[in-house]
Amino acid sequence: MTAKKKWIALFLLIVFLHSFVLLKIDFAQQTVQEEKTGTTQEEAPEKIVPGPQGIKESTSMYVFIAWVWLAILVLVYFLRLKIREVDRLLEIRFLSEKKK
């Protein structure tokens, strides 16, 4: 493995770890305590905070993120293969008008 490939692999590993391990987002709903204003008995409407309702929804979000990253990596792999093939064709001058 060349040094360039090692740096690319290290960068992708760091991005992967940041996305899944180091980025700690609390997806649970948090209750908001509101101050009561003096003598009025009216309650303000409850603030709704979007987020997964249970462990199943939370897990499905992580699975979706992993699926998206996997799809991106596969597409980048096929793009690199295509670029290598075009470079090979240019090297043997397959696409040039003036051939040997």
Protein backbone atom coordinates (compact mmCIF):
# COMPACT_ATOMS: atom_id res chain seq x y z
CA MET A 1 0.00 0.00 0.00
CA THR A 2 1.43 3.37 -0.96
CA ALA A 3 1.69 6.29 1.39
CA LYS A 4 -1.08 8.15 -0.44
CA LYS A 5 -3.48 5.24 -0.02
CA LYS A 6 -2.63 5.02 3.66
CA TRP A 7 -3.43 8.71 4.17
CA ILE A 8 -6.72 8.34 2.31
CA ALA A 9 -7.65 5.30 4.41
CA LEU A 10 -6.72 7.17 7.59
CA PHE A 11 -8.84 10.17 6.56
CA LEU A 12 -11.84 7.94 5.80
CA LEU A 13 -11.41 6.18 9.14
CA ILE A 14 -11.38 9.51 10.97
CA VAL A 15 -14.53 10.65 9.15
CA PHE A 16 -16.21 7.33 9.96
CA LEU A 17 -15.28 7.53 13.64
CA HIS A 18 -16.40 11.14 13.86
CA SER A 19 -19.75 10.29 12.29
CA PHE A 20 -20.57 7.35 14.53
CA VAL A 21 -18.52 7.40 17.71
CA LEU A 22 -17.26 10.84 18.56
CA LEU A 23 -20.38 12.77 17.57
CA LYS A 24 -22.64 12.27 20.58
CA ILE A 25 -26.04 13.68 19.75
CA ASP A 26 -28.85 13.19 22.19
CA PHE A 27 -31.82 12.21 20.04
CA ALA A 28 -34.20 11.85 22.98
CA GLN A 29 -36.85 14.44 23.64
CA GLN A 30 -36.10 16.75 26.48
CA THR A 31 -38.75 18.33 28.63
CA VAL A 32 -38.63 22.08 28.75
CA GLN A 33 -39.48 23.70 32.06
CA GLU A 34 -41.46 26.88 31.58
CA GLU A 35 -41.79 29.62 34.10
CA LYS A 36 -45.31 30.31 35.30
CA THR A 37 -46.29 33.92 34.86
CA GLY A 38 -47.90 35.30 37.99
CA THR A 39 -51.62 34.86 38.49
CA THR A 40 -52.68 33.51 35.10
CA GLN A 41 -53.66 29.86 35.11
CA GLU A 42 -53.23 29.37 31.37
CA GLU A 43 -50.62 26.88 30.38
CA ALA A 44 -48.46 27.65 27.40
CA PRO A 45 -48.66 25.05 24.62
CA GLU A 46 -46.19 22.22 25.12
CA LYS A 47 -43.06 22.62 23.01
CA ILE A 48 -42.57 19.61 20.77
CA VAL A 49 -38.96 18.61 20.20
CA PRO A 50 -38.48 16.23 17.24
CA GLY A 51 -36.51 13.08 17.85
CA PRO A 52 -36.81 9.31 17.78
CA GLN A 53 -39.44 7.89 20.09
CA GLY A 54 -37.62 4.69 20.98
CA ILE A 55 -34.53 2.57 20.58
CA LYS A 56 -35.83 1.12 17.31
CA GLU A 57 -36.08 4.52 15.64
CA SER A 58 -32.70 5.59 17.01
CA THR A 59 -31.05 2.42 15.70
CA SER A 60 -32.71 2.80 12.33
CA MET A 61 -31.21 6.29 12.01
CA TYR A 62 -27.70 4.92 12.60
CA VAL A 63 -28.32 2.09 10.12
CA PHE A 64 -29.45 4.62 7.50
CA ILE A 65 -26.33 6.76 8.04
CA ALA A 66 -24.11 3.67 7.73
CA TRP A 67 -25.93 2.64 4.55
CA VAL A 68 -25.43 6.08 3.00
CA TRP A 69 -21.69 6.07 3.82
CA LEU A 70 -21.34 2.56 2.42
CA ALA A 71 -23.07 3.61 -0.80
CA ILE A 72 -20.76 6.63 -1.11
CA LEU A 73 -17.66 4.47 -0.60
CA VAL A 74 -18.80 1.93 -3.20
CA LEU A 75 -19.47 4.69 -5.73
CA VAL A 76 -16.04 6.24 -5.09
CA TYR A 77 -14.46 2.80 -5.57
CA PHE A 78 -16.15 2.33 -8.97
CA LEU A 79 -15.20 5.87 -9.97
CA ARG A 80 -11.54 5.13 -9.17
CA LEU A 81 -11.72 1.94 -11.27
CA LYS A 82 -13.15 3.90 -14.18
CA ILE A 83 -10.43 6.54 -13.91
CA ARG A 84 -7.73 3.85 -13.88
CA GLU A 85 -9.20 2.28 -17.02
CA VAL A 86 -9.28 5.64 -18.84
CA ASP A 87 -5.68 6.33 -17.80
CA ARG A 88 -4.67 2.92 -19.14
CA LEU A 89 -6.40 3.61 -22.47
CA LEU A 90 -4.68 7.00 -22.72
CA GLU A 91 -1.32 5.42 -21.97
CA ILE A 92 -1.60 2.94 -24.83
CA ARG A 93 -3.04 5.72 -27.04
CA PHE A 94 -6.19 3.74 -27.81
CA LEU A 95 -8.32 6.86 -28.21
CA SER A 96 -5.86 8.95 -30.24
CA GLU A 97 -6.39 9.57 -33.95
CA LYS A 98 -2.74 8.96 -34.83
CA LYS A 99 -1.84 5.40 -33.88
CA LYS A 100 1.55 3.68 -34.07
